[in-house]
C-alpha atoms as a PDB file:
ATOM      1  CA  MET A   1      -4.273  14.450   4.908  1.00  0.00           C
ATOM      2  CA  THR A   2      -4.754  11.848   2.177  1.00  0.00           C
ATOM      3  CA  PRO A   3      -3.175  12.908  -1.125  1.00  0.00           C
ATOM      4  CA  LEU A   4      -5.446  13.119  -4.147  1.00  0.00           C
ATOM      5  CA  THR A   5      -4.436  10.295  -6.453  1.00  0.00           C
ATOM      6  CA  PRO A   6      -5.921   8.924  -9.672  1.00  0.00           C
ATOM      7  CA  THR A   7      -8.629   6.308  -9.359  1.00  0.00           C
ATOM      8  CA  GLY A   8      -8.158   2.804 -10.630  1.00  0.00           C
ATOM      9  CA  GLY A   9     -10.352   1.303 -13.284  1.00  0.00           C
ATOM     10  CA  THR A  10     -10.949   2.162 -16.880  1.00  0.00           C
ATOM     11  CA  VAL A  11     -11.635   5.413 -18.653  1.00  0.00           C
ATOM     12  CA  GLY A  12     -15.285   6.386 -18.521  1.00  0.00           C
ATOM     13  CA  HIS A  13     -16.174   4.368 -15.428  1.00  0.00           C
ATOM     14  CA  GLY A  14     -16.562   5.940 -12.048  1.00  0.00           C
ATOM     15  CA  PRO A  15     -19.141   6.448  -9.337  1.00  0.00           C
ATOM     16  CA  HIS A  16     -22.685   7.566 -10.111  1.00  0.00           C
ATOM     17  CA  VAL A  17     -23.678  10.915  -8.601  1.00  0.00           C
ATOM     18  CA  PRO A  18     -27.068  10.714  -6.868  1.00  0.00           C
ATOM     19  CA  GLU A  19     -29.739  13.393  -7.109  1.00  0.00           C
ATOM     20  CA  PRO A  20     -28.926  16.235  -4.682  1.00  0.00           C
ATOM     21  CA  GLN A  21     -30.587  16.065  -1.290  1.00  0.00           C
ATOM     22  CA  PRO A  22     -32.911  18.965  -0.382  1.00  0.00           C
ATOM     23  CA  ASP A  23     -30.398  20.379   2.115  1.00  0.00           C
ATOM     24  CA  SER A  24     -27.378  19.990  -0.201  1.00  0.00           C
ATOM     25  CA  VAL A  25     -24.639  22.624  -0.315  1.00  0.00           C
ATOM     26  CA  PRO A  26     -24.738  24.780  -3.461  1.00  0.00           C
ATOM     27  CA  ILE A  27     -21.564  24.880  -5.547  1.00  0.00           C
ATOM     28  CA  ASP A  28     -20.751  28.229  -7.148  1.00  0.00           C
ATOM     29  CA  TRP A  29     -20.456  26.869 -10.718  1.00  0.00           C
ATOM     30  CA  GLN A  30     -18.614  29.248 -13.051  1.00  0.00           C
ATOM     31  CA  ARG A  31     -17.885  29.153 -16.770  1.00  0.00           C
ATOM     32  CA  ALA A  32     -14.749  27.055 -17.311  1.00  0.00           C
ATOM     33  CA  THR A  33     -11.557  29.006 -17.840  1.00  0.00           C
ATOM     34  CA  GLN A  34      -8.436  28.092 -19.767  1.00  0.00           C
ATOM     35  CA  ALA A  35      -6.788  24.917 -18.509  1.00  0.00           C
ATOM     36  CA  GLU A  36      -3.620  25.065 -16.447  1.00  0.00           C
ATOM     37  CA  ASP A  37      -0.321  23.882 -17.913  1.00  0.00           C
ATOM     38  CA  ARG A  38       0.011  20.917 -15.548  1.00  0.00           C
ATOM     39  CA  ARG A  39      -3.638  20.028 -15.223  1.00  0.00           C
ATOM     40  CA  ARG A  40      -4.294  16.483 -14.001  1.00  0.00           C
ATOM     41  CA  VAL A  41      -7.652  14.716 -13.999  1.00  0.00           C
ATOM     42  CA  VAL A  42      -7.471  12.489 -10.917  1.00  0.00           C
ATOM     43  CA  ARG A  43     -11.074  11.319 -10.508  1.00  0.00           C
ATOM     44  CA  TRP A  44     -14.262  11.287 -12.557  1.00  0.00           C
ATOM     45  CA  THR A  45     -17.824  10.056 -12.472  1.00  0.00           C
ATOM     46  CA  CYS A  46     -19.366   7.456 -14.755  1.00  0.00           C
ATOM     47  CA  GLN A  47     -19.909   8.533 -18.352  1.00  0.00           C
ATOM     48  CA  CYS A  48     -23.089   6.454 -18.636  1.00  0.00           C
ATOM     49  CA  LYS A  49     -24.906   9.446 -17.103  1.00  0.00           C
ATOM     50  CA  PRO A  50     -25.509  12.654 -19.090  1.00  0.00           C
ATOM     51  CA  VAL A  51     -23.668  14.830 -16.547  1.00  0.00           C
ATOM     52  CA  VAL A  52     -20.028  13.919 -15.862  1.00  0.00           C
ATOM     53  CA  TYR A  53     -17.857  15.454 -13.136  1.00  0.00           C
ATOM     54  CA  TYR A  54     -14.057  15.578 -13.161  1.00  0.00           C
ATOM     55  CA  LEU A  55     -11.792  16.250 -10.181  1.00  0.00           C
ATOM     56  CA  ILE A  56      -8.844  18.231 -11.510  1.00  0.00           C
ATOM     57  CA  THR A  57      -5.646  19.256  -9.734  1.00  0.00           C
ATOM     58  CA  ALA A  58      -2.863  21.612 -10.718  1.00  0.00           C
ATOM     59  CA  GLY A  59      -0.179  23.419  -8.753  1.00  0.00           C
ATOM     60  CA  GLY A  60      -1.407  22.664  -5.232  1.00  0.00           C
ATOM     61  CA  HIS A  61      -5.005  23.577  -5.984  1.00  0.00           C
ATOM     62  CA  GLY A  62      -7.841  22.034  -7.917  1.00  0.00           C
ATOM     63  CA  HIS A  63     -11.440  22.278  -8.998  1.00  0.00           C
ATOM     64  CA  ILE A  64     -14.360  20.162 -10.178  1.00  0.00           C
ATOM     65  CA  GLU A  65     -15.579  20.401 -13.760  1.00  0.00           C
ATOM     66  CA  ARG A  66     -19.140  19.549 -14.779  1.00  0.00           C
ATOM     67  CA  THR A  67     -19.845  18.607 -18.391  1.00  0.00           C
ATOM     68  CA  ALA A  68     -23.062  17.684 -20.162  1.00  0.00           C
ATOM     69  CA  PRO A  69     -23.913  17.287 -23.857  1.00  0.00           C
ATOM     70  CA  GLY A  70     -25.105  20.554 -25.394  1.00  0.00           C
ATOM     71  CA  GLN A  71     -24.178  22.592 -22.312  1.00  0.00           C
ATOM     72  CA  THR A  72     -21.245  24.846 -21.522  1.00  0.00           C
ATOM     73  CA  THR A  73     -18.624  23.229 -19.281  1.00  0.00           C
ATOM     74  CA  VAL A  74     -18.572  24.812 -15.833  1.00  0.00           C
ATOM     75  CA  GLN A  75     -16.213  24.496 -12.903  1.00  0.00           C
ATOM     76  CA  SER A  76     -16.200  25.002  -9.167  1.00  0.00           C
ATOM     77  CA  PRO A  77     -13.982  27.640  -7.565  1.00  0.00           C
ATOM     78  CA  ARG A  78     -10.353  26.611  -7.190  1.00  0.00           C
ATOM     79  CA  LEU A  79      -9.603  25.174  -3.757  1.00  0.00           C
ATOM     80  CA  ARG A  80      -6.698  23.656  -1.857  1.00  0.00           C
ATOM     81  CA  TYR A  81      -6.617  19.846  -1.818  1.00  0.00           C
ATOM     82  CA  ALA A  82      -8.312  19.215   1.568  1.00  0.00           C
ATOM     83  CA  PRO A  83     -11.410  21.382   0.939  1.00  0.00           C
ATOM     84  CA  LEU A  84     -11.541  20.122  -2.659  1.00  0.00           C
ATOM     85  CA  ALA A  85     -11.544  16.481  -1.504  1.00  0.00           C
ATOM     86  CA  ASP A  86     -14.338  17.347   0.946  1.00  0.00           C
ATOM     87  CA  LEU A  87     -16.385  19.006  -1.812  1.00  0.00           C
ATOM     88  CA  TRP A  88     -15.865  16.003  -4.123  1.00  0.00           C
ATOM     89  CA  GLU A  89     -17.098  13.668  -1.381  1.00  0.00           C
ATOM     90  CA  LEU A  90     -20.166  15.847  -0.747  1.00  0.00           C
ATOM     91  CA  LEU A  91     -20.948  15.763  -4.471  1.00  0.00           C
ATOM     92  CA  LEU A  92     -20.666  11.965  -4.600  1.00  0.00           C
ATOM     93  CA  LEU A  93     -22.972  11.655  -1.588  1.00  0.00           C
ATOM     94  CA  GLY A  94     -25.631  13.949  -3.046  1.00  0.00           C
ATOM     95  CA  ARG A  95     -24.901  16.569  -0.395  1.00  0.00           C
ATOM     96  CA  ALA A  96     -23.626  19.194  -2.871  1.00  0.00           C
ATOM     97  CA  ARG A  97     -25.165  20.456  -6.098  1.00  0.00           C
END
């Protein structure tokens, strides 16, 4: 298993998330809860788009946060690293929404 590590580059730059494909996997987005004590943002999408996603890890688990101006921040269910990395990849490929 590849460990989840921070991306290189500068703050605000990251991949662009394509429009979801018709057969994309739905993500059970939930209202964001209080942040963990040792929360670590390890990956993010480009802030030039109105919706920005953050891959967050803490204590052996993690989740994806979705933010957009004027909207409530939501997050995916908390998952172990391997399924979380898979979900992040699906999102970046337009195969999750």
